[in-house]
Amino acid sequence: MPRVLLLLPTTSYRTPDFLEAAARLGAEVVVASEQASTMEAMNPGGLLTLDFRNPAVCARTVAAFAAQRPI
């Protein structure tokens, strides 16, 4: 199954729409947000915390994540 990385602000009201679209396409979703989710420890392969204010650090974090869990 293909996996995609969805970058979302913590307060987005559109998240369900994006997740539904990914499900229709048969894609597994990794959600990245700027605030840690309380569920991140329970779903380390599906949730990722990024500091959107620092794109270089985001890129390195995503690359390290993808090396362990391809997206």
Protein backbone atom coordinates (compact mmCIF):
# COMPACT_ATOMS: atom_id res chain seq x y z
CA MET A 1 0.00 0.00 0.00
CA PRO A 2 1.41 3.44 -0.83
CA ARG A 3 2.10 5.81 2.07
CA VAL A 4 1.91 9.60 1.90
CA LEU A 5 3.03 12.31 4.29
CA LEU A 6 0.31 14.84 5.05
CA LEU A 7 1.57 18.10 6.57
CA LEU A 8 -1.20 19.65 8.65
CA PRO A 9 -1.42 22.55 11.05
CA THR A 10 -2.67 21.35 14.42
CA THR A 11 -5.89 23.35 14.15
CA SER A 12 -6.90 22.37 10.61
CA TYR A 13 -10.59 21.72 10.11
CA ARG A 14 -9.89 20.02 6.75
CA THR A 15 -8.05 16.98 8.14
CA PRO A 16 -11.01 14.58 7.73
CA ASP A 17 -11.35 15.58 4.06
CA PHE A 18 -7.67 14.86 3.35
CA LEU A 19 -7.79 11.54 5.20
CA GLU A 20 -10.93 10.52 3.34
CA ALA A 21 -9.32 11.36 -0.01
CA ALA A 22 -6.25 9.29 0.87
CA ALA A 23 -8.45 6.37 1.89
CA ARG A 24 -10.32 6.55 -1.44
CA LEU A 25 -6.97 6.39 -3.22
CA GLY A 26 -5.86 3.45 -1.11
CA ALA A 27 -3.00 5.37 0.49
CA GLU A 28 -1.85 4.97 4.06
CA VAL A 29 -1.31 8.37 5.69
CA VAL A 30 1.42 9.62 7.97
CA VAL A 31 0.21 12.85 9.58
CA ALA A 32 2.82 15.46 10.45
CA SER A 33 1.89 18.39 12.64
CA GLU A 34 3.71 21.06 14.62
CA GLN A 35 2.43 19.85 17.99
CA ALA A 36 2.91 16.37 19.34
CA SER A 37 -0.18 14.21 19.40
CA THR A 38 -1.08 12.41 22.58
CA MET A 39 -1.44 9.32 20.37
CA GLU A 40 2.03 9.54 18.79
CA ALA A 41 3.53 6.95 21.14
CA MET A 42 0.72 4.53 20.24
CA ASN A 43 1.13 5.09 16.50
CA PRO A 44 4.78 6.00 15.83
CA GLY A 45 4.52 5.02 12.19
CA GLY A 46 1.51 7.23 11.53
CA LEU A 47 2.18 10.44 13.44
CA LEU A 48 5.13 12.78 13.26
CA THR A 49 5.89 16.09 14.97
CA LEU A 50 7.70 18.75 12.94
CA ASP A 51 8.72 22.35 13.60
CA PHE A 52 7.23 23.96 10.47
CA ARG A 53 9.13 27.17 11.26
CA ASN A 54 12.41 25.41 10.44
CA PRO A 55 12.19 23.76 7.00
CA ALA A 56 15.76 22.41 7.10
CA VAL A 57 15.14 20.56 10.35
CA CYS A 58 11.78 19.36 9.02
CA ALA A 59 13.48 17.91 5.95
CA ARG A 60 16.08 16.07 8.03
CA THR A 61 13.41 14.74 10.41
CA VAL A 62 11.26 13.51 7.54
CA ALA A 63 14.26 11.90 5.84
CA ALA A 64 15.19 10.06 9.04
CA PHE A 65 11.58 8.98 9.54
CA ALA A 66 11.32 7.77 5.92
CA ALA A 67 14.54 5.78 6.27
CA GLN A 68 12.80 3.70 8.96
CA ARG A 69 9.23 3.89 7.66
CA PRO A 70 9.14 4.57 3.91
CA ILE A 71 6.76 7.22 2.61
